[in-house]
Amino acid sequence: MSGKGSARGKGTLVRVDYHSDLKEVQSDGQLARLLSDACQHAPFDRLAWWDALATHCGIAPLLAVAKGSGDAMAVLPLSGHSGHLNALSNWYTFRFRPVLSADDAPLDALARDLASRAHRITLSGLPDEDGSASALEAAFRNAGWLVRREVCDTNHILPLVGRSYDEYLAARPGKLRTTLKRKSGKVTTRIVTHFDAAAWAEYESIYAESWKPEEGSPDFLRAFAKAEGAAGRLRLALAHDAADREAPAIAAQMWTVEGGTAFIHKLAHREAAKPLSPGSVLTAALMRHVIDTDRVSLIDFGTGDDPYKRDWMEQQRPRYRLHIFRPLAARNWPVLAKIALLSLAARLKHR
């Protein structure tokens, strides 16, 4: 199913298409290339990621695509129903943003045309170090929408700035360095850069015995790991008790590497093995690999302000949520009234 519309962007007529069948996108060569790994160097910006969300997580996609003159394109991956649209993402997505072909991509025109599709839009996980949150906020305001912005999450990162692993390690907290020195000889590690079914089965077994909540979609994660392995981007690591190397692995982590960035997707250890600190030893092994072998310039620990991330990472970036409303849509009035009351209460509290 698809739909079409048109809107003006900076004086130029812009065509807007809506795709709920992502196979339609694959048949558009220009658009498919923009959303491929040839142009996008993070998994969350690619058609393959959104297709996997639809296939394995049951999230119905609605891809809004605005095309202007030349190669100018703006793509906003959405989902939702009943006039309330959301970001096409889930708990595996580090961050959500529009995909733009150039600085003059017709984002304003896309925001105007979306008024024919929705009375309310909620976009979570937006970064602003690249201007994504600000660009979307401005585009929707210019198109006549009401927009409320708030911080919704934290992203921990490590810029390497040319450092080697040993230089990086020397700057870690003393407690962490002591733990690694005491425990590294008690744990052996291995890193595979391709998909290995036996190694993946060990990861799943470890996760099932870890402190982590039930995996949201094991099929999604396995399909993603296979695809990243085929592309040479997977870094799947396992740790074993050095005293019993024939026993099952006791910790596992899944990272991917591309575009100069290492993304830390999943990590888990068996609760019974906690005294050996296998998770810390395994993280250190992967850090050494991506810094000294892959030569990445940035390590991204995803979202969540877990205290342990501060031991490994050095900077934090906010992630934003935009609440976007059509002001004359009656269905929005109860929500807008609630927001107004909460804002008034907050102001009175701080007087």
Foldseek 3Di string as FASTA:
>chain_A
DKDWDWFDFPNWIKIKMKDQPCVVQVVPVLSQCLQDCVNDWDPQSHSVLLVLCCVFVVFGWIWIWIDTPDSWIKIFIWTDDPQEIEHSDDPQDLAGFIRTPDPRRRLLRSLLVCVVVHQKYKYWRHFCVVDRVVVNVVSNVVNQKDKDKDFDWKWFKAFCVPDALVVLLVPFDPVLNVLLVVQLVFKDKDKDQADDPVLVVLQVVQVVQFPDPDDSTPVSVSVVRNVLRVVSFKIKMFMCGPVCRPDRTFKIWIWGDTPLEIETRDITGHPVCVVSVRRSSRVSVVSNCCCVPVVGRMYIDGIDPDPVSVSNGPDMGTIMMMIIGNVPDPVCVVVVVVVVVVVVVVVVVVD
